[in-house]
Amino acid sequence: MTWNYRVVHHLMDETDYYGIHEVYYDEDGRPQNVTVDPMDVGWEESVKGVAQTLKWMRKALKQPVLEYEDFAAAGGLDR
């Protein structure tokens, strides 16, 4: 199973929210699971590690936005 960061749209209390999540794909490249909460840059072991994470997150901004509800309805939420 592969993964990457993607922008995911949430609709909560009639308000739109967007976050960067880890998304996991099946062997055919279809999104299957998403993290429940958006990701942060996190703790990296070096400045280079932080820079790499930010680079991957910036790539997510160039991809189509995914819908959180699509994952929730299919049972594809990861903690």
C-alpha atoms as a PDB file:
ATOM      1  CA  MET A   1       0.000   0.000   0.000  1.00  0.00           C
ATOM      2  CA  THR A   2       1.362   3.421  -0.919  1.00  0.00           C
ATOM      3  CA  TRP A   3       0.579   6.793   0.600  1.00  0.00           C
ATOM      4  CA  ASN A   4       1.092  10.496   0.103  1.00  0.00           C
ATOM      5  CA  TYR A   5      -0.197  13.794   1.421  1.00  0.00           C
ATOM      6  CA  ARG A   6      -3.409  15.189  -0.067  1.00  0.00           C
ATOM      7  CA  VAL A   7      -5.673  18.136   0.615  1.00  0.00           C
ATOM      8  CA  VAL A   8      -8.966  16.892   2.027  1.00  0.00           C
ATOM      9  CA  HIS A   9     -12.185  18.895   2.274  1.00  0.00           C
ATOM     10  CA  HIS A  10     -14.306  18.633   5.422  1.00  0.00           C
ATOM     11  CA  LEU A  11     -17.806  20.050   5.859  1.00  0.00           C
ATOM     12  CA  MET A  12     -18.544  20.604   9.550  1.00  0.00           C
ATOM     13  CA  ASP A  13     -21.568  22.480  10.811  1.00  0.00           C
ATOM     14  CA  GLU A  14     -22.107  23.885   7.311  1.00  0.00           C
ATOM     15  CA  THR A  15     -18.568  25.326   7.268  1.00  0.00           C
ATOM     16  CA  ASP A  16     -15.883  24.264   4.778  1.00  0.00           C
ATOM     17  CA  TYR A  17     -12.474  23.252   6.127  1.00  0.00           C
ATOM     18  CA  TYR A  18      -9.413  21.991   4.274  1.00  0.00           C
ATOM     19  CA  GLY A  19      -6.437  20.119   5.674  1.00  0.00           C
ATOM     20  CA  ILE A  20      -3.483  18.087   4.512  1.00  0.00           C
ATOM     21  CA  HIS A  21      -3.901  14.411   5.382  1.00  0.00           C
ATOM     22  CA  GLU A  22      -2.029  11.205   4.742  1.00  0.00           C
ATOM     23  CA  VAL A  23      -3.971   9.204   2.141  1.00  0.00           C
ATOM     24  CA  TYR A  24      -3.360   5.509   1.521  1.00  0.00           C
ATOM     25  CA  TYR A  25      -3.985   3.834  -1.841  1.00  0.00           C
ATOM     26  CA  ASP A  26      -4.857   0.298  -2.895  1.00  0.00           C
ATOM     27  CA  GLU A  27      -2.766  -1.701  -5.358  1.00  0.00           C
ATOM     28  CA  ASP A  28      -4.681  -0.081  -8.239  1.00  0.00           C
ATOM     29  CA  GLY A  29      -3.801   3.436  -7.044  1.00  0.00           C
ATOM     30  CA  ARG A  30      -7.280   4.304  -5.733  1.00  0.00           C
ATOM     31  CA  PRO A  31      -7.518   6.248  -2.443  1.00  0.00           C
ATOM     32  CA  GLN A  32      -8.715   3.869   0.283  1.00  0.00           C
ATOM     33  CA  ASN A  33      -7.943   5.380   3.675  1.00  0.00           C
ATOM     34  CA  VAL A  34      -7.292   8.812   5.133  1.00  0.00           C
ATOM     35  CA  THR A  35      -6.028   9.931   8.522  1.00  0.00           C
ATOM     36  CA  VAL A  36      -8.793  11.185  10.800  1.00  0.00           C
ATOM     37  CA  ASP A  37      -6.957  14.398  11.649  1.00  0.00           C
ATOM     38  CA  PRO A  38      -4.926  16.670   9.375  1.00  0.00           C
ATOM     39  CA  MET A  39      -1.161  16.315   9.595  1.00  0.00           C
ATOM     40  CA  ASP A  40       1.361  18.814  10.843  1.00  0.00           C
ATOM     41  CA  VAL A  41       5.010  18.983   9.895  1.00  0.00           C
ATOM     42  CA  GLY A  42       5.759  17.013  13.032  1.00  0.00           C
ATOM     43  CA  TRP A  43       9.040  16.246  14.653  1.00  0.00           C
ATOM     44  CA  GLU A  44      11.839  15.502  12.250  1.00  0.00           C
ATOM     45  CA  GLU A  45      15.423  14.555  13.044  1.00  0.00           C
ATOM     46  CA  SER A  46      16.872  17.384  10.986  1.00  0.00           C
ATOM     47  CA  VAL A  47      16.038  20.603   9.186  1.00  0.00           C
ATOM     48  CA  LYS A  48      16.376  18.604   5.956  1.00  0.00           C
ATOM     49  CA  GLY A  49      13.663  16.280   7.242  1.00  0.00           C
ATOM     50  CA  VAL A  50      11.325  19.211   7.890  1.00  0.00           C
ATOM     51  CA  ALA A  51      12.089  20.589   4.431  1.00  0.00           C
ATOM     52  CA  GLN A  52      11.302  17.214   2.822  1.00  0.00           C
ATOM     53  CA  THR A  53       7.974  16.936   4.646  1.00  0.00           C
ATOM     54  CA  LEU A  54       7.037  20.456   3.553  1.00  0.00           C
ATOM     55  CA  LYS A  55       8.001  19.596  -0.033  1.00  0.00           C
ATOM     56  CA  TRP A  56       5.664  16.576   0.015  1.00  0.00           C
ATOM     57  CA  MET A  57       2.886  18.690   1.542  1.00  0.00           C
ATOM     58  CA  ARG A  58       3.315  21.378  -1.140  1.00  0.00           C
ATOM     59  CA  LYS A  59       2.904  18.687  -3.807  1.00  0.00           C
ATOM     60  CA  ALA A  60      -0.505  17.938  -2.263  1.00  0.00           C
ATOM     61  CA  LEU A  61      -1.642  21.453  -3.185  1.00  0.00           C
ATOM     62  CA  LYS A  62      -1.246  20.581  -6.873  1.00  0.00           C
ATOM     63  CA  GLN A  63      -3.508  17.511  -6.703  1.00  0.00           C
ATOM     64  CA  PRO A  64      -7.320  17.433  -6.800  1.00  0.00           C
ATOM     65  CA  VAL A  65      -8.977  17.943  -3.422  1.00  0.00           C
ATOM     66  CA  LEU A  66     -10.466  14.791  -1.898  1.00  0.00           C
ATOM     67  CA  GLU A  67     -13.692  14.656   0.125  1.00  0.00           C
ATOM     68  CA  TYR A  68     -13.410  13.473   3.731  1.00  0.00           C
ATOM     69  CA  GLU A  69     -17.002  12.268   3.658  1.00  0.00           C
ATOM     70  CA  ASP A  70     -16.190   9.837   0.823  1.00  0.00           C
ATOM     71  CA  PHE A  71     -13.705   8.071   3.103  1.00  0.00           C
ATOM     72  CA  ALA A  72     -16.007   8.203   6.134  1.00  0.00           C
ATOM     73  CA  ALA A  73     -18.908   6.683   4.188  1.00  0.00           C
ATOM     74  CA  ALA A  74     -16.672   3.834   2.933  1.00  0.00           C
ATOM     75  CA  GLY A  75     -15.129   3.153   6.365  1.00  0.00           C
ATOM     76  CA  GLY A  76     -11.715   4.383   5.263  1.00  0.00           C
ATOM     77  CA  LEU A  77     -10.623   6.442   8.276  1.00  0.00           C
ATOM     78  CA  ASP A  78      -7.261   5.699   9.949  1.00  0.00           C
ATOM     79  CA  ARG A  79      -6.156   6.895  13.356  1.00  0.00           C
END
